[in-house]
C-alpha atoms as a PDB file:
ATOM      1  CA  MET A   1      42.930 238.242 239.355  1.00  0.00           C
ATOM      2  CA  LYS A   2      44.243 236.912 242.666  1.00  0.00           C
ATOM      3  CA  LEU A   3      41.949 239.107 244.756  1.00  0.00           C
ATOM      4  CA  LEU A   4      38.792 237.638 243.199  1.00  0.00           C
ATOM      5  CA  ARG A   5      40.076 234.107 243.747  1.00  0.00           C
ATOM      6  CA  GLU A   6      40.457 234.794 247.481  1.00  0.00           C
ATOM      7  CA  TYR A   7      37.377 236.970 248.049  1.00  0.00           C
ATOM      8  CA  GLU A   8      33.934 236.945 246.510  1.00  0.00           C
ATOM      9  CA  PRO A   9      32.192 240.309 246.130  1.00  0.00           C
ATOM     10  CA  THR A  10      28.884 240.524 247.972  1.00  0.00           C
ATOM     11  CA  GLY A  11      27.607 243.510 246.031  1.00  0.00           C
ATOM     12  CA  VAL A  12      28.600 246.111 243.501  1.00  0.00           C
ATOM     13  CA  ARG A  13      27.410 249.701 243.596  1.00  0.00           C
ATOM     14  CA  ARG A  14      26.293 250.701 240.101  1.00  0.00           C
ATOM     15  CA  PHE A  15      28.231 253.626 238.642  1.00  0.00           C
ATOM     16  CA  ASN A  16      26.053 256.175 236.896  1.00  0.00           C
ATOM     17  CA  GLY A  17      27.908 258.388 234.510  1.00  0.00           C
ATOM     18  CA  SER A  18      29.276 258.971 231.062  1.00  0.00           C
ATOM     19  CA  TYR A  19      32.292 257.251 229.548  1.00  0.00           C
ATOM     20  CA  LEU A  20      34.491 260.173 230.627  1.00  0.00           C
ATOM     21  CA  GLN A  21      33.156 260.042 234.200  1.00  0.00           C
ATOM     22  CA  ARG A  22      33.746 256.270 234.362  1.00  0.00           C
ATOM     23  CA  ASN A  23      37.274 256.805 233.073  1.00  0.00           C
ATOM     24  CA  ASP A  24      37.860 259.444 235.773  1.00  0.00           C
ATOM     25  CA  ALA A  25      36.536 257.009 238.404  1.00  0.00           C
ATOM     26  CA  VAL A  26      38.968 254.313 237.263  1.00  0.00           C
ATOM     27  CA  ASN A  27      41.812 256.826 237.439  1.00  0.00           C
ATOM     28  CA  ARG A  28      40.738 257.845 240.965  1.00  0.00           C
ATOM     29  CA  ALA A  29      40.716 254.169 241.976  1.00  0.00           C
ATOM     30  CA  TYR A  30      44.212 253.650 240.582  1.00  0.00           C
ATOM     31  CA  SER A  31      45.420 256.778 242.397  1.00  0.00           C
ATOM     32  CA  LYS A  32      44.618 255.177 245.777  1.00  0.00           C
ATOM     33  CA  LEU A  33      46.004 251.689 245.119  1.00  0.00           C
ATOM     34  CA  GLY A  34      48.578 250.898 247.774  1.00  0.00           C
ATOM     35  CA  HIS A  35      47.179 253.588 250.079  1.00  0.00           C
ATOM     36  CA  ARG A  36      47.421 252.400 253.672  1.00  0.00           C
ATOM     37  CA  TYR A  37      44.101 251.332 255.224  1.00  0.00           C
ATOM     38  CA  SER A  38      42.875 253.272 258.239  1.00  0.00           C
ATOM     39  CA  LEU A  39      39.597 252.640 260.027  1.00  0.00           C
ATOM     40  CA  ILE A  40      39.188 256.372 260.686  1.00  0.00           C
ATOM     41  CA  ASN A  41      40.899 258.104 257.743  1.00  0.00           C
ATOM     42  CA  PHE A  42      40.754 255.663 254.815  1.00  0.00           C
ATOM     43  CA  ASN A  43      38.478 252.630 255.046  1.00  0.00           C
ATOM     44  CA  CYS A  44      36.563 250.774 252.335  1.00  0.00           C
ATOM     45  CA  GLU A  45      33.697 253.292 252.427  1.00  0.00           C
ATOM     46  CA  HIS A  46      36.170 256.155 251.944  1.00  0.00           C
ATOM     47  CA  PHE A  47      37.591 254.342 248.922  1.00  0.00           C
ATOM     48  CA  ALA A  48      34.178 253.577 247.387  1.00  0.00           C
ATOM     49  CA  ASN A  49      33.043 257.186 247.811  1.00  0.00           C
ATOM     50  CA  TRP A  50      36.336 258.454 246.387  1.00  0.00           C
ATOM     51  CA  VAL A  51      35.955 256.320 243.275  1.00  0.00           C
ATOM     52  CA  GLN A  52      32.241 257.022 242.802  1.00  0.00           C
ATOM     53  CA  PHE A  53      32.012 260.684 243.803  1.00  0.00           C
ATOM     54  CA  GLY A  54      35.559 262.024 244.188  1.00  0.00           C
ATOM     55  CA  ARG A  55      35.039 262.613 247.944  1.00  0.00           C
ATOM     56  CA  LEU A  56      36.969 260.920 250.748  1.00  0.00           C
ATOM     57  CA  GLU A  57      34.209 260.562 253.321  1.00  0.00           C
ATOM     58  CA  SER A  58      32.615 257.853 255.419  1.00  0.00           C
ATOM     59  CA  SER A  59      29.176 258.165 256.968  1.00  0.00           C
ATOM     60  CA  GLN A  60      30.065 255.220 259.207  1.00  0.00           C
ATOM     61  CA  VAL A  61      32.990 257.129 260.729  1.00  0.00           C
ATOM     62  CA  THR A  62      30.930 260.307 261.070  1.00  0.00           C
ATOM     63  CA  THR A  63      28.120 258.404 262.798  1.00  0.00           C
ATOM     64  CA  GLY A  64      30.635 256.730 265.109  1.00  0.00           C
ATOM     65  CA  PHE A  65      32.076 260.088 266.163  1.00  0.00           C
ATOM     66  CA  VAL A  66      28.600 261.525 266.790  1.00  0.00           C
ATOM     67  CA  ILE A  67      27.705 258.550 268.986  1.00  0.00           C
ATOM     68  CA  LEU A  68      31.016 258.797 270.861  1.00  0.00           C
ATOM     69  CA  ALA A  69      30.658 262.550 271.396  1.00  0.00           C
ATOM     70  CA  SER A  70      27.080 262.075 272.597  1.00  0.00           C
ATOM     71  CA  ALA A  71      28.154 259.383 275.053  1.00  0.00           C
ATOM     72  CA  VAL A  72      30.940 261.592 276.447  1.00  0.00           C
ATOM     73  CA  PHE A  73      28.537 264.526 276.738  1.00  0.00           C
ATOM     74  CA  LEU A  74      25.937 262.433 278.558  1.00  0.00           C
ATOM     75  CA  LYS A  75      28.609 261.058 280.890  1.00  0.00           C
ATOM     76  CA  LEU A  76      29.774 264.585 281.726  1.00  0.00           C
ATOM     77  CA  ILE A  77      26.219 265.676 282.468  1.00  0.00           C
ATOM     78  CA  ALA A  78      25.555 262.608 284.621  1.00  0.00           C
ATOM     79  CA  THR A  79      28.697 263.119 286.730  1.00  0.00           C
ATOM     80  CA  ASP A  80      27.940 266.820 287.278  1.00  0.00           C
ATOM     81  CA  GLU A  81      24.908 266.129 289.455  1.00  0.00           C
END
């Protein structure tokens, strides 16, 4: 596989599940092949969670938005004085 010749995996998240669940995970992975990458809407964590759990979510993106919202809120409070 060309991808593995160019990149070396640094870790693999173990999949816990039955044969049917593993088969569903493979089908979910295939369903997103060719999907355009987006830092906010579809990054590598979104893909991994989609394959593993069937949920398109990224805790990294959520954390980033919380930090950004907090910074904006603090800036608004600081400029109000």
